[in-house]
Amino acid sequence: MAVRVAYTLAEAQKMLGLVKEAHMELITGQAKSYKIGTREYTALDLDDLMKQIEFFSNVVESLSGSVRTKRVARIVPRDL
């Protein structure tokens, strides 16, 4: 799946690592939500994180060249 984005391979790999780390923290219960004074933080839900993981995985695959594009060959049959 080809993805067009303005990321370098290193940036996409770093973002994928960060999103996976946030996913693990959310699953293990380390990061949900908290409030300090008037400020409040709420973590992303699992669906949003899974979409981001899929997106950045596709970006990394596309930029690393591991995705093969479809090749079309035109053939004209001839009767000899």
C-alpha atoms as a PDB file:
ATOM      1  CA  MET A   1       0.000   0.000   0.000  1.00  0.00           C
ATOM      2  CA  ALA A   2       1.679   3.194  -1.159  1.00  0.00           C
ATOM      3  CA  VAL A   3       1.388   6.169   1.151  1.00  0.00           C
ATOM      4  CA  ARG A   4       2.375   9.718   0.233  1.00  0.00           C
ATOM      5  CA  VAL A   5       3.491  11.738   3.222  1.00  0.00           C
ATOM      6  CA  ALA A   6       6.092  14.310   4.157  1.00  0.00           C
ATOM      7  CA  TYR A   7       8.027  12.016   6.514  1.00  0.00           C
ATOM      8  CA  THR A   8      11.510  10.666   6.171  1.00  0.00           C
ATOM      9  CA  LEU A   9      12.066   7.004   6.966  1.00  0.00           C
ATOM     10  CA  ALA A  10      13.779   7.873  10.259  1.00  0.00           C
ATOM     11  CA  GLU A  11      10.935  10.196  11.294  1.00  0.00           C
ATOM     12  CA  ALA A  12       8.290   7.621  10.413  1.00  0.00           C
ATOM     13  CA  GLN A  13      10.115   4.898  12.354  1.00  0.00           C
ATOM     14  CA  LYS A  14      10.441   7.201  15.370  1.00  0.00           C
ATOM     15  CA  MET A  15       6.731   8.112  15.234  1.00  0.00           C
ATOM     16  CA  LEU A  16       5.784   4.436  14.920  1.00  0.00           C
ATOM     17  CA  GLY A  17       7.886   3.657  17.991  1.00  0.00           C
ATOM     18  CA  LEU A  18       6.277   6.476  19.979  1.00  0.00           C
ATOM     19  CA  VAL A  19       2.756   5.420  19.024  1.00  0.00           C
ATOM     20  CA  LYS A  20       3.497   1.796  19.931  1.00  0.00           C
ATOM     21  CA  GLU A  21       4.940   2.938  23.262  1.00  0.00           C
ATOM     22  CA  ALA A  22       1.792   4.982  23.982  1.00  0.00           C
ATOM     23  CA  HIS A  23      -0.296   1.927  23.060  1.00  0.00           C
ATOM     24  CA  MET A  24       1.616  -0.256  25.532  1.00  0.00           C
ATOM     25  CA  GLU A  25       1.263   2.338  28.294  1.00  0.00           C
ATOM     26  CA  LEU A  26      -2.473   2.592  27.685  1.00  0.00           C
ATOM     27  CA  ILE A  27      -2.892  -1.196  27.730  1.00  0.00           C
ATOM     28  CA  THR A  28      -0.870  -1.661  30.919  1.00  0.00           C
ATOM     29  CA  GLY A  29      -2.799   1.099  32.660  1.00  0.00           C
ATOM     30  CA  GLN A  30       0.129   3.455  33.063  1.00  0.00           C
ATOM     31  CA  ALA A  31      -1.512   6.286  31.120  1.00  0.00           C
ATOM     32  CA  LYS A  32      -5.238   6.974  31.123  1.00  0.00           C
ATOM     33  CA  SER A  33      -6.095  10.435  32.378  1.00  0.00           C
ATOM     34  CA  TYR A  34      -5.229  12.750  35.202  1.00  0.00           C
ATOM     35  CA  LYS A  35      -5.876  16.285  36.390  1.00  0.00           C
ATOM     36  CA  ILE A  36      -3.432  18.788  37.859  1.00  0.00           C
ATOM     37  CA  GLY A  37      -5.119  21.968  39.017  1.00  0.00           C
ATOM     38  CA  THR A  38      -7.145  23.221  36.075  1.00  0.00           C
ATOM     39  CA  ARG A  39      -5.228  21.168  33.519  1.00  0.00           C
ATOM     40  CA  GLU A  40      -6.551  17.801  32.451  1.00  0.00           C
ATOM     41  CA  TYR A  41      -4.941  15.097  30.326  1.00  0.00           C
ATOM     42  CA  THR A  42      -6.847  12.270  28.677  1.00  0.00           C
ATOM     43  CA  ALA A  43      -5.052   9.549  26.730  1.00  0.00           C
ATOM     44  CA  LEU A  44      -6.122   8.458  23.283  1.00  0.00           C
ATOM     45  CA  ASP A  45      -8.410   5.489  23.051  1.00  0.00           C
ATOM     46  CA  LEU A  46      -7.279   2.182  21.584  1.00  0.00           C
ATOM     47  CA  ASP A  47      -9.059   2.675  18.253  1.00  0.00           C
ATOM     48  CA  ASP A  48      -7.216   5.941  17.576  1.00  0.00           C
ATOM     49  CA  LEU A  49      -3.891   4.411  18.528  1.00  0.00           C
ATOM     50  CA  MET A  50      -4.476   1.360  16.337  1.00  0.00           C
ATOM     51  CA  LYS A  51      -5.278   3.626  13.366  1.00  0.00           C
ATOM     52  CA  GLN A  52      -2.076   5.583  13.960  1.00  0.00           C
ATOM     53  CA  ILE A  53      -0.037   2.386  14.275  1.00  0.00           C
ATOM     54  CA  GLU A  54      -1.474   1.122  10.986  1.00  0.00           C
ATOM     55  CA  PHE A  55      -0.815   4.481   9.291  1.00  0.00           C
ATOM     56  CA  PHE A  56       2.804   4.752  10.410  1.00  0.00           C
ATOM     57  CA  SER A  57       3.431   1.069   9.636  1.00  0.00           C
ATOM     58  CA  ASN A  58       2.267   1.726   6.084  1.00  0.00           C
ATOM     59  CA  VAL A  59       4.464   4.832   5.871  1.00  0.00           C
ATOM     60  CA  VAL A  60       7.526   2.887   7.055  1.00  0.00           C
ATOM     61  CA  GLU A  61       6.822   0.057   4.596  1.00  0.00           C
ATOM     62  CA  SER A  62       6.382   2.517   1.757  1.00  0.00           C
ATOM     63  CA  LEU A  63       9.548   4.488   2.518  1.00  0.00           C
ATOM     64  CA  SER A  64      11.713   1.434   3.169  1.00  0.00           C
ATOM     65  CA  GLY A  65      10.912  -0.028  -0.232  1.00  0.00           C
ATOM     66  CA  SER A  66       9.495  -3.263   1.148  1.00  0.00           C
ATOM     67  CA  VAL A  67       6.212  -2.688  -0.666  1.00  0.00           C
ATOM     68  CA  ARG A  68       6.162  -3.834  -4.262  1.00  0.00           C
ATOM     69  CA  THR A  69       4.128  -1.807  -6.669  1.00  0.00           C
ATOM     70  CA  LYS A  70       1.953  -3.426  -9.268  1.00  0.00           C
ATOM     71  CA  ARG A  71       3.542  -3.644 -12.669  1.00  0.00           C
ATOM     72  CA  VAL A  72       1.500  -3.684 -15.806  1.00  0.00           C
ATOM     73  CA  ALA A  73       2.761  -5.178 -19.036  1.00  0.00           C
ATOM     74  CA  ARG A  74       0.972  -4.611 -22.280  1.00  0.00           C
ATOM     75  CA  ILE A  75       1.112  -7.505 -24.672  1.00  0.00           C
ATOM     76  CA  VAL A  76      -0.051  -7.401 -28.243  1.00  0.00           C
ATOM     77  CA  PRO A  77      -0.809 -10.892 -29.520  1.00  0.00           C
ATOM     78  CA  ARG A  78       0.410 -11.534 -33.046  1.00  0.00           C
ATOM     79  CA  ASP A  79      -0.466 -14.342 -35.326  1.00  0.00           C
ATOM     80  CA  LEU A  80       2.661 -15.482 -37.131  1.00  0.00           C
END
